[in-house]
N, C-alpha and C. Protein backbone atom coordinates (compact mmCIF):
# COMPACT_ATOMS: atom_id res chain seq x y z
N MET A 1 217.87 26.85 -126.94
CA MET A 1 217.44 25.66 -127.65
C MET A 1 215.96 25.39 -127.40
N LYS A 2 215.49 25.65 -126.22
CA LYS A 2 214.07 25.41 -125.89
C LYS A 2 213.16 26.23 -126.79
N HIS A 3 213.55 27.46 -127.12
CA HIS A 3 212.74 28.32 -127.99
C HIS A 3 212.55 27.67 -129.37
N ASP A 4 213.61 27.00 -129.90
CA ASP A 4 213.53 26.34 -131.20
C ASP A 4 212.50 25.21 -131.18
N ILE A 5 212.44 24.46 -130.10
CA ILE A 5 211.47 23.37 -129.98
C ILE A 5 210.05 23.93 -129.97
N MET A 6 209.82 25.00 -129.24
CA MET A 6 208.49 25.61 -129.20
C MET A 6 208.11 26.17 -130.56
N ALA A 7 209.04 26.79 -131.24
CA ALA A 7 208.76 27.36 -132.56
C ALA A 7 208.41 26.24 -133.54
N GLU A 8 209.12 25.13 -133.47
CA GLU A 8 208.86 23.99 -134.35
C GLU A 8 207.47 23.41 -134.08
N LYS A 9 207.08 23.39 -132.84
CA LYS A 9 205.82 22.79 -132.44
C LYS A 9 204.62 23.52 -133.04
N PHE A 10 204.74 24.81 -133.26
CA PHE A 10 203.60 25.59 -133.72
C PHE A 10 203.72 26.02 -135.19
N LYS A 11 204.51 25.35 -135.97
CA LYS A 11 204.66 25.70 -137.39
C LYS A 11 203.32 25.63 -138.12
N ASP A 12 202.48 24.67 -137.76
CA ASP A 12 201.19 24.53 -138.43
C ASP A 12 200.31 25.75 -138.19
N GLN A 13 200.30 26.25 -136.98
CA GLN A 13 199.50 27.43 -136.64
C GLN A 13 200.03 28.67 -137.36
N GLU A 14 201.34 28.86 -137.35
CA GLU A 14 201.95 29.99 -138.03
C GLU A 14 201.67 29.94 -139.53
N PHE A 15 201.75 28.75 -140.11
CA PHE A 15 201.50 28.58 -141.54
C PHE A 15 200.07 28.96 -141.88
N LEU A 16 199.10 28.46 -141.09
CA LEU A 16 197.70 28.77 -141.34
C LEU A 16 197.44 30.27 -141.24
N GLU A 17 197.97 30.90 -140.20
CA GLU A 17 197.78 32.35 -140.05
C GLU A 17 198.35 33.10 -141.25
N TYR A 18 199.53 32.72 -141.69
CA TYR A 18 200.18 33.39 -142.82
C TYR A 18 199.33 33.27 -144.09
N VAL A 19 198.88 32.07 -144.41
CA VAL A 19 198.10 31.84 -145.63
C VAL A 19 196.77 32.58 -145.58
N VAL A 20 196.05 32.45 -144.47
CA VAL A 20 194.72 33.07 -144.36
C VAL A 20 194.83 34.59 -144.40
N LYS A 21 195.80 35.15 -143.68
CA LYS A 21 195.95 36.61 -143.67
C LYS A 21 196.27 37.15 -145.07
N ALA A 22 196.94 36.35 -145.88
CA ALA A 22 197.26 36.77 -147.25
C ALA A 22 196.02 36.74 -148.15
N LEU A 23 195.01 35.97 -147.78
CA LEU A 23 193.82 35.81 -148.63
C LEU A 23 192.67 36.76 -148.29
N VAL A 24 192.60 37.23 -147.05
CA VAL A 24 191.43 37.98 -146.59
C VAL A 24 191.64 39.49 -146.68
N ASP A 25 190.52 40.23 -146.60
CA ASP A 25 190.57 41.69 -146.59
C ASP A 25 190.77 42.25 -145.19
N ASN A 26 190.49 41.43 -144.16
CA ASN A 26 190.59 41.87 -142.76
C ASN A 26 191.57 40.99 -141.99
N PRO A 27 192.87 41.08 -142.30
CA PRO A 27 193.84 40.18 -141.67
C PRO A 27 193.95 40.35 -140.15
N ASP A 28 193.60 41.53 -139.63
CA ASP A 28 193.68 41.73 -138.19
C ASP A 28 192.63 40.93 -137.43
N ASP A 29 191.58 40.48 -138.14
CA ASP A 29 190.51 39.70 -137.51
C ASP A 29 190.78 38.20 -137.51
N VAL A 30 191.89 37.77 -138.11
CA VAL A 30 192.21 36.34 -138.18
C VAL A 30 192.75 35.88 -136.82
N LYS A 31 192.08 34.85 -136.27
CA LYS A 31 192.50 34.26 -135.00
C LYS A 31 192.57 32.75 -135.18
N VAL A 32 193.65 32.15 -134.72
CA VAL A 32 193.81 30.70 -134.80
C VAL A 32 194.10 30.17 -133.41
N GLU A 33 193.24 29.27 -132.96
CA GLU A 33 193.46 28.58 -131.69
C GLU A 33 193.94 27.18 -132.00
N ARG A 34 194.88 26.69 -131.21
CA ARG A 34 195.48 25.38 -131.45
C ARG A 34 195.26 24.48 -130.25
N ARG A 35 194.70 23.29 -130.51
CA ARG A 35 194.50 22.30 -129.45
C ARG A 35 195.08 20.97 -129.90
N VAL A 36 195.64 20.26 -128.95
CA VAL A 36 196.21 18.95 -129.23
C VAL A 36 195.53 17.93 -128.34
N ASP A 37 195.09 16.81 -128.94
CA ASP A 37 194.53 15.72 -128.16
C ASP A 37 194.96 14.40 -128.79
N GLU A 38 194.34 13.29 -128.40
CA GLU A 38 194.75 11.98 -128.91
C GLU A 38 194.50 11.83 -130.41
N MET A 39 193.63 12.67 -130.98
CA MET A 39 193.34 12.62 -132.41
C MET A 39 194.35 13.42 -133.24
N GLY A 40 195.14 14.26 -132.60
CA GLY A 40 196.11 15.08 -133.30
C GLY A 40 195.93 16.55 -132.97
N VAL A 41 196.24 17.40 -133.93
CA VAL A 41 196.17 18.85 -133.74
C VAL A 41 194.89 19.36 -134.39
N LEU A 42 194.17 20.21 -133.67
CA LEU A 42 192.99 20.87 -134.22
C LEU A 42 193.26 22.36 -134.24
N LEU A 43 193.21 22.94 -135.42
CA LEU A 43 193.35 24.39 -135.57
C LEU A 43 191.96 24.96 -135.80
N ASN A 44 191.55 25.85 -134.94
CA ASN A 44 190.24 26.48 -135.00
C ASN A 44 190.42 27.89 -135.55
N LEU A 45 189.87 28.15 -136.74
CA LEU A 45 190.06 29.41 -137.43
C LEU A 45 188.84 30.31 -137.27
N LYS A 46 189.08 31.54 -136.84
CA LYS A 46 188.03 32.54 -136.74
C LYS A 46 188.43 33.72 -137.62
N ILE A 47 187.47 34.15 -138.47
CA ILE A 47 187.74 35.26 -139.39
C ILE A 47 186.55 36.20 -139.43
N ASN A 48 186.73 37.34 -140.03
CA ASN A 48 185.66 38.30 -140.23
C ASN A 48 184.61 37.69 -141.16
N SER A 49 183.34 37.93 -140.88
CA SER A 49 182.26 37.34 -141.68
C SER A 49 182.36 37.75 -143.16
N GLN A 50 182.88 38.93 -143.43
CA GLN A 50 183.02 39.39 -144.82
C GLN A 50 184.06 38.59 -145.60
N ASP A 51 184.95 37.90 -144.89
CA ASP A 51 186.01 37.13 -145.54
C ASP A 51 185.69 35.65 -145.67
N MET A 52 184.54 35.23 -145.20
CA MET A 52 184.19 33.81 -145.19
C MET A 52 184.24 33.21 -146.60
N GLY A 53 183.68 33.90 -147.56
CA GLY A 53 183.67 33.39 -148.94
C GLY A 53 185.06 33.22 -149.52
N LYS A 54 185.97 34.09 -149.14
CA LYS A 54 187.34 34.00 -149.65
C LYS A 54 188.04 32.75 -149.12
N ILE A 55 187.75 32.38 -147.88
CA ILE A 55 188.40 31.22 -147.27
C ILE A 55 187.72 29.92 -147.70
N ILE A 56 186.41 29.94 -147.82
CA ILE A 56 185.71 28.73 -148.26
C ILE A 56 185.96 28.50 -149.75
N GLY A 57 185.81 29.55 -150.56
CA GLY A 57 186.03 29.44 -152.00
C GLY A 57 184.86 28.81 -152.72
N ARG A 58 184.90 28.86 -154.02
CA ARG A 58 183.84 28.28 -154.84
C ARG A 58 183.84 26.76 -154.64
N ASN A 59 182.68 26.24 -154.28
CA ASN A 59 182.49 24.80 -154.00
C ASN A 59 183.42 24.30 -152.89
N GLY A 60 183.88 25.19 -152.04
CA GLY A 60 184.74 24.80 -150.93
C GLY A 60 186.17 24.48 -151.32
N ASN A 61 186.56 24.85 -152.55
CA ASN A 61 187.88 24.48 -153.05
C ASN A 61 189.03 25.13 -152.29
N THR A 62 188.87 26.39 -151.89
CA THR A 62 189.96 27.05 -151.15
C THR A 62 190.16 26.39 -149.80
N ALA A 63 189.06 26.11 -149.09
CA ALA A 63 189.15 25.45 -147.78
C ALA A 63 189.79 24.06 -147.93
N LYS A 64 189.41 23.33 -148.96
CA LYS A 64 189.99 22.00 -149.20
C LYS A 64 191.49 22.11 -149.44
N SER A 65 191.88 23.10 -150.21
CA SER A 65 193.31 23.29 -150.51
C SER A 65 194.09 23.64 -149.25
N ILE A 66 193.54 24.51 -148.41
CA ILE A 66 194.21 24.87 -147.16
C ILE A 66 194.34 23.63 -146.28
N ARG A 67 193.29 22.82 -146.20
CA ARG A 67 193.35 21.59 -145.39
C ARG A 67 194.41 20.63 -145.93
N ASN A 68 194.51 20.51 -147.25
CA ASN A 68 195.53 19.64 -147.83
C ASN A 68 196.93 20.13 -147.49
N LEU A 69 197.15 21.43 -147.59
CA LEU A 69 198.46 21.98 -147.24
C LEU A 69 198.78 21.76 -145.77
N LEU A 70 197.78 21.90 -144.90
CA LEU A 70 198.00 21.66 -143.47
C LEU A 70 198.36 20.20 -143.20
N ARG A 71 197.77 19.28 -143.97
CA ARG A 71 198.12 17.86 -143.80
C ARG A 71 199.59 17.63 -144.15
N VAL A 72 200.06 18.30 -145.20
CA VAL A 72 201.46 18.18 -145.59
C VAL A 72 202.37 18.74 -144.50
N VAL A 73 202.01 19.90 -143.97
CA VAL A 73 202.79 20.49 -142.86
C VAL A 73 202.79 19.54 -141.68
N GLY A 74 201.63 18.94 -141.39
CA GLY A 74 201.54 17.98 -140.29
C GLY A 74 202.39 16.75 -140.51
N LEU A 75 202.38 16.21 -141.72
CA LEU A 75 203.19 15.03 -142.02
C LEU A 75 204.68 15.33 -141.82
N LYS A 76 205.07 16.51 -142.23
CA LYS A 76 206.48 16.90 -142.07
C LYS A 76 206.87 16.93 -140.59
N ASN A 77 205.91 17.26 -139.73
CA ASN A 77 206.17 17.36 -138.29
C ASN A 77 205.58 16.18 -137.52
N GLN A 78 205.28 15.09 -138.21
CA GLN A 78 204.73 13.87 -137.61
C GLN A 78 203.49 14.13 -136.76
N ALA A 79 202.53 14.89 -137.30
CA ALA A 79 201.29 15.18 -136.59
C ALA A 79 200.13 15.19 -137.57
N ARG A 80 198.98 14.79 -137.08
CA ARG A 80 197.76 14.88 -137.88
C ARG A 80 197.13 16.23 -137.58
N VAL A 81 196.97 17.06 -138.61
CA VAL A 81 196.46 18.42 -138.42
C VAL A 81 195.09 18.54 -139.09
N ASN A 82 194.10 19.00 -138.33
CA ASN A 82 192.75 19.23 -138.84
C ASN A 82 192.40 20.70 -138.68
N LEU A 83 191.54 21.18 -139.57
CA LEU A 83 191.12 22.57 -139.56
C LEU A 83 189.62 22.66 -139.36
N LYS A 84 189.21 23.49 -138.42
CA LYS A 84 187.80 23.81 -138.22
C LYS A 84 187.65 25.30 -138.47
N ILE A 85 186.75 25.66 -139.39
CA ILE A 85 186.50 27.07 -139.69
C ILE A 85 185.23 27.47 -138.97
N GLU A 86 185.36 28.36 -138.00
CA GLU A 86 184.22 28.83 -137.21
C GLU A 86 183.35 29.76 -138.04
N GLU A 87 182.06 29.55 -138.00
CA GLU A 87 181.16 30.49 -138.67
C GLU A 87 181.07 31.73 -137.79
N PRO A 88 181.28 32.91 -138.36
CA PRO A 88 181.27 34.15 -137.58
C PRO A 88 179.91 34.41 -136.94
N GLU A 89 179.91 35.17 -135.85
CA GLU A 89 178.65 35.55 -135.21
C GLU A 89 177.78 36.28 -136.20
N GLY A 90 176.49 36.00 -136.17
CA GLY A 90 175.58 36.64 -137.10
C GLY A 90 175.52 35.92 -138.43
N GLY A 91 176.19 34.78 -138.54
CA GLY A 91 176.14 34.02 -139.79
C GLY A 91 177.07 34.58 -140.84
N ARG A 92 176.91 34.08 -142.01
CA ARG A 92 177.75 34.53 -143.12
C ARG A 92 177.30 35.89 -143.60
N ALA A 93 178.23 36.60 -144.15
CA ALA A 93 177.92 37.91 -144.72
C ALA A 93 177.05 37.71 -145.95
N PRO A 94 176.19 38.67 -146.26
CA PRO A 94 175.36 38.53 -147.47
C PRO A 94 176.25 38.46 -148.70
N ARG A 95 175.78 37.71 -149.69
CA ARG A 95 176.55 37.57 -150.91
C ARG A 95 176.53 38.88 -151.68
N ARG A 96 177.67 39.22 -152.23
CA ARG A 96 177.74 40.40 -153.08
C ARG A 96 177.18 40.04 -154.44
N SER A 97 176.68 41.03 -155.14
CA SER A 97 176.03 40.77 -156.42
C SER A 97 176.96 40.09 -157.42
N GLU A 98 178.26 40.41 -157.38
CA GLU A 98 179.16 39.79 -158.36
C GLU A 98 179.44 38.33 -158.03
N ASP A 99 179.08 37.88 -156.82
CA ASP A 99 179.26 36.48 -156.44
C ASP A 99 178.03 35.63 -156.79
N ARG A 100 176.98 36.25 -157.27
CA ARG A 100 175.74 35.54 -157.54
C ARG A 100 175.80 34.86 -158.90
N SER A 101 175.10 33.74 -159.03
CA SER A 101 175.05 33.05 -160.31
C SER A 101 174.11 33.79 -161.25
N MET A 102 174.23 33.50 -162.52
CA MET A 102 173.37 34.13 -163.52
C MET A 102 171.91 33.78 -163.25
N ASP A 103 171.63 32.54 -162.84
CA ASP A 103 170.25 32.13 -162.54
C ASP A 103 169.65 32.97 -161.41
N GLU A 104 170.45 33.27 -160.38
CA GLU A 104 169.95 34.08 -159.27
C GLU A 104 169.63 35.51 -159.72
N VAL A 105 170.47 36.04 -160.58
CA VAL A 105 170.24 37.40 -161.08
C VAL A 105 168.97 37.44 -161.92
N VAL A 106 168.78 36.44 -162.79
CA VAL A 106 167.58 36.39 -163.64
C VAL A 106 166.34 36.20 -162.77
N ASP A 107 166.42 35.36 -161.75
CA ASP A 107 165.27 35.18 -160.85
C ASP A 107 164.88 36.49 -160.18
N ASP A 108 165.86 37.30 -159.82
CA ASP A 108 165.57 38.59 -159.19
C ASP A 108 164.87 39.55 -160.14
N LEU A 109 165.11 39.39 -161.42
CA LEU A 109 164.48 40.27 -162.41
C LEU A 109 162.98 39.94 -162.60
N LYS A 110 162.60 38.70 -162.23
CA LYS A 110 161.22 38.23 -162.33
C LYS A 110 160.65 38.45 -163.73
N LEU A 111 161.38 37.97 -164.70
CA LEU A 111 160.94 38.09 -166.11
C LEU A 111 159.86 37.09 -166.44
């Protein structure tokens, strides 16, 4: 019975790992640390720098969606769950050309 209580306690962490690993190209690099204090649960997410854009998403929409889902998981388990996405060492990976806006591409052409 004790194992069931521990498994229930970490549903938020398991959920975050599952979702993020499904979105990234480097699932083995996904690490989630879980801390609990008087403010609630803090999940600290570390990912490969090449996957940062996939987790943040355009205008931060993917990260917002993940945070909203974590709030729902937290409500179900009577806990306030927050997500902190750690910036990888060395900063963000350079943007790939297909992720660039049309204005950036035209500026590079220096017409």
